[in-house]
């Protein structure tokens, strides 16, 4: 009996120590006592990293610098967020983790405007892995805590990450505030839940969906012209939910007295040629259905059509970058992420489309149409 009491005592003491440790971690690292909540968005703040990118793409300078300031932003704006004219929002293709600070498409865009005597200040609020669910929460958990942040424009470079987000995603609770429950409180404040979600998301993106950063040898890729699906009616609920999130982003942008700009994203899972669409021959699953790169083209095109419809409905500028056929294998190091060469093409393309509205009317007015 004494032996069992001793074991029980040891168990209870360890449980108490473990529980106290959890509480300390949550109070120090969670958002229970911190109204700024920045840890919930996977933000890197006030950090500079050096990455060796030689395993991703060929470059004469394989060691690149990736930095984010104390507000979690990339770019140069004189440490005064009130000077930012254009804020870019998106996932990893906006963040560009493995592109040097001076080679991002935002930097190219800013330099091009400076070269014609119409300087604009561009800041990068891209977050690796973030979809529109997270973009919406940026307006609650991030942007209000960046002092003086009132950009004239917010450019959303989005679509690819939302392709894999269902209408019943765990992040749905973030879109519709006002629900109060223990589970919702843990999701919004717990550091450990946030860590677990981050690890799960990274695993799913890299291992399951294979959309993480990796080098692809495009010379070895097999292509096809034949889709596996006859129609894509099964996407309707996803597309409806996506449209609703886009409308919320427009509303949140206008609440900042800013103007929204939406940009569709290129992908190397398909090629647009004079002979038609060629897609990745590899077969993956989507909602239990087998698809290849040709299916992916038709499916992501529906996401982009939804974006176009919302932009038309809300009088928002749309730049359909995904519809361009100028992309080449050397512009990408995998099926989504671009090399510095590709990033430069994006910057130059956006410059040509945006220069016409550089001196547009006051923020909040109906934007120019392309």
Protein backbone atom coordinates (compact mmCIF):
# COMPACT_ATOMS: atom_id res chain seq x y z
CA UNK A 1 0.00 0.00 0.00
CA UNK A 2 2.82 2.41 0.87
CA UNK A 3 4.42 1.64 -2.49
CA UNK A 4 1.24 2.60 -4.37
CA UNK A 5 0.87 5.77 -2.30
CA UNK A 6 4.47 6.67 -3.12
CA UNK A 7 3.91 6.11 -6.85
CA UNK A 8 0.69 8.13 -6.70
CA UNK A 9 2.49 10.91 -4.84
CA UNK A 10 5.28 11.02 -7.42
CA UNK A 11 2.67 11.08 -10.22
CA UNK A 12 0.74 13.93 -8.62
CA UNK A 13 3.90 15.96 -7.99
CA UNK A 14 5.03 15.50 -11.60
CA UNK A 15 1.55 16.37 -12.82
CA UNK A 16 1.56 19.53 -10.73
CA UNK A 17 5.03 20.54 -11.98
CA UNK A 18 3.97 19.82 -15.56
CA UNK A 19 0.77 21.84 -15.15
CA UNK A 20 2.64 24.80 -13.64
CA UNK A 21 5.11 24.62 -16.51
CA UNK A 22 2.27 24.69 -19.05
CA UNK A 23 0.72 27.70 -17.34
CA UNK A 24 4.06 29.57 -17.29
CA UNK A 25 4.67 28.83 -20.99
CA UNK A 26 1.16 29.97 -21.91
CA UNK A 27 1.42 33.19 -19.91
CA UNK A 28 4.86 34.05 -21.28
CA UNK A 29 4.36 32.96 -24.90
CA UNK A 30 0.60 32.93 -25.40
CA UNK A 31 -1.76 35.81 -25.97
CA UNK A 32 -3.80 35.47 -22.77
CA UNK A 33 -2.35 38.66 -21.27
CA UNK A 34 -1.08 40.34 -24.42
CA UNK A 35 -3.68 42.29 -26.44
CA UNK A 36 -1.40 42.52 -29.48
CA UNK A 37 -1.71 38.81 -30.26
CA UNK A 38 1.11 38.90 -32.82
CA UNK A 39 2.32 35.40 -31.97
CA UNK A 40 -0.86 33.90 -33.43
CA UNK A 41 0.08 34.78 -37.01
CA UNK A 42 3.42 32.96 -37.36
CA UNK A 43 5.12 36.35 -37.44
CA UNK A 44 8.87 36.73 -37.42
CA UNK A 45 9.71 40.06 -35.80
CA UNK A 46 12.97 41.99 -35.46
CA UNK A 47 15.04 39.18 -36.95
CA UNK A 48 17.63 38.78 -39.70
CA UNK A 49 18.49 35.37 -41.13
CA UNK A 50 21.08 34.17 -43.60
CA UNK A 51 19.96 31.30 -45.83
CA UNK A 52 21.98 29.15 -48.21
CA UNK A 53 19.71 28.85 -51.26
CA UNK A 54 22.13 26.88 -53.44
CA UNK A 55 19.91 23.82 -52.90
CA UNK A 56 16.92 25.64 -54.39
CA UNK A 57 18.21 27.53 -57.41
CA UNK A 58 21.44 28.49 -59.17
CA UNK A 59 22.86 31.83 -58.09
CA UNK A 60 26.22 33.59 -57.93
CA UNK A 61 25.38 34.68 -54.35
CA UNK A 62 24.01 31.60 -52.58
CA UNK A 63 23.87 33.21 -49.12
CA UNK A 64 20.87 35.53 -48.98
CA UNK A 65 19.59 37.87 -46.27
CA UNK A 66 16.02 37.61 -45.06
CA UNK A 67 14.93 40.20 -42.51
CA UNK A 68 11.76 41.41 -40.84
CA UNK A 69 11.55 44.48 -38.65
CA UNK A 70 10.06 45.00 -35.20
CA UNK A 71 6.58 45.20 -36.71
CA UNK A 72 6.99 41.94 -38.64
CA UNK A 73 7.29 43.67 -42.02
CA UNK A 74 9.86 43.32 -44.80
CA UNK A 75 11.02 46.33 -46.80
CA UNK A 76 12.44 49.79 -46.29
CA UNK A 77 10.15 52.57 -45.17
CA UNK A 78 12.34 54.57 -42.78
CA UNK A 79 11.00 52.82 -39.66
CA UNK A 80 7.84 54.90 -40.00
CA UNK A 81 4.81 52.79 -41.01
CA UNK A 82 2.80 55.93 -41.74
CA UNK A 83 5.00 56.39 -44.84
CA UNK A 84 3.90 53.09 -46.40
CA UNK A 85 1.96 53.64 -49.63
CA UNK A 86 1.49 50.02 -50.71
CA UNK A 87 1.21 47.05 -48.35
CA UNK A 88 1.44 43.58 -49.89
CA UNK A 89 -0.45 40.71 -48.26
CA UNK A 90 -0.22 37.02 -49.11
CA UNK A 91 1.41 33.71 -48.27
CA UNK A 92 4.85 32.34 -49.02
CA UNK A 93 4.95 33.72 -52.57
CA UNK A 94 4.52 37.19 -51.07
CA UNK A 95 6.82 36.58 -48.10
CA UNK A 96 9.58 35.06 -50.32
CA UNK A 97 11.54 33.45 -47.52
CA UNK A 98 14.40 32.40 -49.82
CA UNK A 99 14.69 35.60 -51.86
CA UNK A 100 17.10 38.24 -50.56
CA UNK A 101 15.70 41.51 -49.20
CA UNK A 102 16.99 43.43 -52.22
CA UNK A 103 15.54 41.00 -54.79
CA UNK A 104 11.91 40.54 -53.77
CA UNK A 105 9.26 41.59 -56.25
CA UNK A 106 8.25 44.33 -53.81
CA UNK A 107 11.77 45.75 -53.93
CA UNK A 108 11.78 45.59 -57.75
CA UNK A 109 8.42 47.38 -57.80
CA UNK A 110 9.61 50.12 -55.46
CA UNK A 111 12.82 50.68 -57.46
CA UNK A 112 10.90 50.93 -60.73
CA UNK A 113 8.62 53.63 -59.40
CA UNK A 114 11.63 55.53 -58.05
CA UNK A 115 13.29 55.31 -61.48
CA UNK A 116 10.44 57.25 -63.15
CA UNK A 117 10.36 59.94 -60.48
CA UNK A 118 7.19 58.68 -58.81
CA UNK A 119 8.50 57.05 -55.64
CA UNK A 120 6.19 54.88 -53.58
CA UNK A 121 6.98 53.09 -50.34
CA UNK A 122 6.25 49.35 -50.43
CA UNK A 123 6.15 47.07 -47.37
CA UNK A 124 5.77 43.30 -47.35
CA UNK A 125 3.26 41.70 -44.95
CA UNK A 126 3.39 38.25 -46.52
CA UNK A 127 3.33 35.31 -44.09
CA UNK A 128 4.55 31.87 -45.14
CA UNK A 129 1.59 29.46 -45.34
CA UNK A 130 -1.09 32.07 -44.74
CA UNK A 131 -4.37 31.98 -46.67
CA UNK A 132 -7.31 34.39 -46.72
CA UNK A 133 -8.36 33.07 -43.31
CA UNK A 134 -5.15 34.49 -41.87
CA UNK A 135 -5.22 37.60 -44.05
CA UNK A 136 -8.54 38.52 -42.48
CA UNK A 137 -7.13 38.12 -38.98
CA UNK A 138 -4.21 40.39 -39.91
CA UNK A 139 -6.69 43.26 -39.68
CA UNK A 140 -7.54 42.25 -36.10
CA UNK A 141 -4.29 40.91 -34.68
CA UNK A 142 -1.53 42.67 -36.60
CA UNK A 143 -2.23 45.84 -38.56
CA UNK A 144 -3.92 47.75 -35.69
CA UNK A 145 -0.69 47.40 -33.67
CA UNK A 146 1.59 48.84 -36.35
CA UNK A 147 1.64 52.55 -35.41
CA UNK A 148 0.44 54.90 -38.12
CA UNK A 149 -0.20 52.15 -40.66
CA UNK A 150 -2.62 53.65 -43.20
CA UNK A 151 -1.45 52.50 -46.65
CA UNK A 152 -3.04 53.99 -49.73
CA UNK A 153 -3.26 50.52 -51.24
CA UNK A 154 -3.27 46.94 -49.96
CA UNK A 155 -2.26 44.45 -52.64
CA UNK A 156 -3.45 40.86 -52.10
CA UNK A 157 -1.28 38.34 -53.97
CA UNK A 158 -3.42 35.30 -53.22
CA UNK A 159 -5.20 32.17 -54.39
CA UNK A 160 -2.79 29.24 -54.31
CA UNK A 161 -3.04 28.62 -50.56
CA UNK A 162 -6.82 28.92 -50.60
CA UNK A 163 -6.99 26.14 -53.17
CA UNK A 164 -6.40 23.70 -50.31
CA UNK A 165 -8.62 25.42 -47.73
CA UNK A 166 -12.13 24.03 -47.38
CA UNK A 167 -15.23 25.94 -46.40
CA UNK A 168 -15.27 23.96 -43.15
CA UNK A 169 -11.63 24.64 -42.29
CA UNK A 170 -10.56 24.97 -38.67
CA UNK A 171 -9.87 28.60 -39.48
CA UNK A 172 -13.53 29.36 -40.18
CA UNK A 173 -13.93 30.56 -36.59
CA UNK A 174 -11.47 33.33 -37.41
CA UNK A 175 -13.75 34.69 -40.13
CA UNK A 176 -16.84 35.01 -38.03
CA UNK A 177 -16.01 36.66 -34.69
CA UNK A 178 -18.37 36.82 -31.75
CA UNK A 179 -18.48 33.15 -30.84
CA UNK A 180 -17.21 32.62 -27.30
CA UNK A 181 -16.23 29.18 -26.11
CA UNK A 182 -13.35 27.46 -24.36
CA UNK A 183 -12.18 25.93 -27.64
CA UNK A 184 -12.28 29.33 -29.39
CA UNK A 185 -10.35 30.91 -26.51
CA UNK A 186 -7.66 28.22 -26.69
CA UNK A 187 -7.37 28.61 -30.46
CA UNK A 188 -6.94 32.35 -30.20
CA UNK A 189 -4.64 32.54 -27.18
CA UNK A 190 -2.75 29.28 -26.61
CA UNK A 191 0.94 29.25 -27.52
CA UNK A 192 1.07 25.44 -27.46
CA UNK A 193 -1.99 25.07 -29.67
CA UNK A 194 -0.43 27.59 -32.04
CA UNK A 195 2.83 25.56 -32.09
CA UNK A 196 0.96 22.31 -32.74
CA UNK A 197 -1.05 23.93 -35.53
CA UNK A 198 2.13 25.30 -37.11
CA UNK A 199 3.87 21.92 -37.03
CA UNK A 200 0.77 20.18 -38.40
CA UNK A 201 0.43 22.76 -41.17
CA UNK A 202 4.10 22.48 -42.13
CA UNK A 203 3.87 18.68 -42.24
CA UNK A 204 0.70 18.73 -44.32
CA UNK A 205 2.10 21.30 -46.75
CA UNK A 206 5.48 19.62 -47.16
CA UNK A 207 4.69 15.91 -46.91
CA UNK A 208 1.01 15.49 -47.78
CA UNK A 209 0.33 18.27 -50.28
CA UNK A 210 3.98 18.74 -51.34
CA UNK A 211 3.63 22.52 -51.58
CA UNK A 212 6.52 23.44 -49.30
CA UNK A 213 9.82 24.94 -50.47
CA UNK A 214 11.85 22.41 -52.45
CA UNK A 215 13.86 22.24 -55.64
CA UNK A 216 12.12 20.77 -58.68
CA UNK A 217 14.08 19.54 -61.69
CA UNK A 218 11.68 20.64 -64.40
CA UNK A 219 13.66 18.69 -67.01
CA UNK A 220 12.43 15.52 -65.31
CA UNK A 221 8.79 16.57 -64.99
CA UNK A 222 6.21 14.63 -67.03
CA UNK A 223 3.44 16.70 -68.60
CA UNK A 224 0.01 15.84 -69.95
CA UNK A 225 -2.80 17.55 -71.84
CA UNK A 226 -5.58 15.30 -70.56
CA UNK A 227 -7.47 16.10 -67.31
CA UNK A 228 -8.76 13.36 -65.03
CA UNK A 229 -12.06 15.06 -64.19
CA UNK A 230 -14.94 15.87 -66.55
CA UNK A 231 -16.33 18.75 -64.47
CA UNK A 232 -15.64 20.63 -61.26
CA UNK A 233 -19.08 21.09 -59.77
CA UNK A 234 -17.76 19.63 -56.52
CA UNK A 235 -15.87 22.89 -55.95
CA UNK A 236 -18.96 25.08 -55.65
CA UNK A 237 -19.08 25.30 -51.85
CA UNK A 238 -15.37 26.05 -51.66
CA UNK A 239 -15.73 28.78 -54.24
CA UNK A 240 -18.69 30.34 -52.46
CA UNK A 241 -16.73 30.42 -49.20
CA UNK A 242 -13.71 31.90 -50.99
CA UNK A 243 -15.86 34.67 -52.47
CA UNK A 244 -17.17 35.55 -49.02
CA UNK A 245 -13.64 35.81 -47.61
CA UNK A 246 -12.61 38.07 -50.50
CA UNK A 247 -15.54 40.36 -49.74
CA UNK A 248 -14.47 40.52 -46.12
CA UNK A 249 -10.94 41.51 -47.20
CA UNK A 250 -12.34 44.30 -49.36
CA UNK A 251 -14.44 45.56 -46.45
CA UNK A 252 -11.54 45.39 -44.00
CA UNK A 253 -9.32 47.26 -46.46
CA UNK A 254 -11.87 50.02 -46.92
CA UNK A 255 -12.27 50.29 -43.16
CA UNK A 256 -8.60 51.37 -43.16
CA UNK A 257 -9.49 53.96 -45.80
CA UNK A 258 -7.25 52.04 -48.19
CA UNK A 259 -7.88 50.65 -51.65
CA UNK A 260 -7.68 46.92 -52.37
CA UNK A 261 -5.82 45.45 -55.32
CA UNK A 262 -6.12 41.72 -56.05
CA UNK A 263 -3.53 39.78 -58.02
CA UNK A 264 -3.85 36.16 -59.20
CA UNK A 265 -0.82 33.91 -58.74
CA UNK A 266 1.11 31.98 -61.41
CA UNK A 267 1.88 28.31 -60.86
CA UNK A 268 4.27 25.94 -62.58
CA UNK A 269 1.91 23.00 -62.18
CA UNK A 270 0.77 23.94 -65.66
CA UNK A 271 2.11 25.63 -68.76
CA UNK A 272 0.14 27.88 -71.10
CA UNK A 273 1.37 27.36 -74.65
CA UNK A 274 0.15 28.14 -78.15
CA UNK A 275 -0.85 24.47 -78.37
CA UNK A 276 -2.95 24.61 -75.23
CA UNK A 277 -2.53 23.80 -71.56
CA UNK A 278 0.02 21.25 -70.39
CA UNK A 279 -0.29 20.10 -66.80
CA UNK A 280 1.76 18.13 -64.34
CA UNK A 281 1.12 14.44 -65.01
CA UNK A 282 1.53 13.43 -61.37
CA UNK A 283 -1.76 12.42 -59.76
CA UNK A 284 -2.87 13.85 -56.42
CA UNK A 285 -6.19 13.82 -54.56
CA UNK A 286 -8.57 16.68 -53.91
CA UNK A 287 -11.71 16.11 -51.87
CA UNK A 288 -11.26 12.40 -52.52
CA UNK A 289 -10.96 12.86 -56.29
CA UNK A 290 -7.89 12.25 -58.40
CA UNK A 291 -6.53 15.29 -60.23
CA UNK A 292 -3.45 16.19 -62.26
CA UNK A 293 -1.92 19.46 -63.40
CA UNK A 294 -4.51 20.04 -66.14
CA UNK A 295 -7.29 19.64 -63.59
CA UNK A 296 -5.39 21.98 -61.30
CA UNK A 297 -5.30 24.60 -64.05
CA UNK A 298 -9.06 24.45 -64.59
CA UNK A 299 -9.71 24.44 -60.83
CA UNK A 300 -7.43 27.33 -59.90
CA UNK A 301 -8.88 29.21 -62.86
CA UNK A 302 -12.28 28.93 -61.16
CA UNK A 303 -10.80 30.43 -57.99
CA UNK A 304 -9.43 33.27 -60.10
CA UNK A 305 -12.80 33.72 -61.81
CA UNK A 306 -14.39 34.10 -58.38
CA UNK A 307 -11.82 36.77 -57.58
CA UNK A 308 -12.62 38.54 -60.84
CA UNK A 309 -16.34 38.47 -60.05
CA UNK A 310 -15.84 39.88 -56.56
CA UNK A 311 -13.57 42.62 -57.93
CA UNK A 312 -16.19 43.55 -60.49
CA UNK A 313 -18.91 43.51 -57.83
CA UNK A 314 -16.92 45.66 -55.40
CA UNK A 315 -15.17 47.85 -58.02
CA UNK A 316 -11.70 46.67 -57.11
CA UNK A 317 -8.68 46.51 -59.40
CA UNK A 318 -7.76 42.97 -60.53
CA UNK A 319 -4.42 42.07 -62.09
CA UNK A 320 -4.61 38.61 -63.64
CA UNK A 321 -0.97 37.61 -63.42
CA UNK A 322 -1.83 33.89 -63.57
CA UNK A 323 -3.27 34.24 -67.07
CA UNK A 324 0.05 35.32 -68.55
CA UNK A 325 2.03 32.78 -70.59
CA UNK A 326 5.43 34.43 -70.24
CA UNK A 327 6.53 32.25 -67.32
CA UNK A 328 9.39 29.80 -67.83
CA UNK A 329 10.90 26.96 -65.82
CA UNK A 330 13.78 29.19 -64.74
CA UNK A 331 11.33 31.56 -63.05
CA UNK A 332 10.45 28.91 -60.47
CA UNK A 333 12.42 26.67 -58.12
CA UNK A 334 9.32 24.59 -57.37
CA UNK A 335 5.72 24.56 -58.55
CA UNK A 336 4.74 27.75 -56.67
CA UNK A 337 7.82 29.67 -55.49
CA UNK A 338 9.92 31.84 -57.75
CA UNK A 339 13.61 32.38 -58.23
CA UNK A 340 15.02 35.93 -58.19
CA UNK A 341 14.52 35.97 -61.95
CA UNK A 342 10.85 35.16 -61.55
CA UNK A 343 10.46 37.66 -58.72
CA UNK A 344 11.91 40.35 -60.95
CA UNK A 345 9.39 39.49 -63.68
CA UNK A 346 6.55 39.79 -61.17
CA UNK A 347 7.83 43.18 -59.97
CA UNK A 348 8.19 44.53 -63.49
CA UNK A 349 4.78 43.21 -64.52
CA UNK A 350 3.06 44.78 -61.52
CA UNK A 351 4.89 48.05 -62.13
CA UNK A 352 3.54 48.28 -65.66
CA UNK A 353 -0.02 47.65 -64.42
CA UNK A 354 0.18 49.91 -61.39
CA UNK A 355 2.01 52.92 -62.76
CA UNK A 356 -1.25 54.21 -64.24
CA UNK A 357 -2.80 54.49 -60.78
CA UNK A 358 0.28 55.72 -58.92
CA UNK A 359 -1.25 59.19 -58.69
CA UNK A 360 -4.85 58.00 -58.40
CA UNK A 361 -7.61 59.63 -56.45
CA UNK A 362 -7.77 59.70 -52.67
CA UNK A 363 -7.95 56.31 -50.90
CA UNK A 364 -11.44 54.93 -50.58
CA UNK A 365 -12.60 56.06 -54.01
CA UNK A 366 -13.54 53.52 -56.67
CA UNK A 367 -10.26 52.24 -58.15
CA UNK A 368 -9.22 52.41 -61.75
CA UNK A 369 -10.01 49.36 -63.83
CA UNK A 370 -7.35 47.64 -65.81
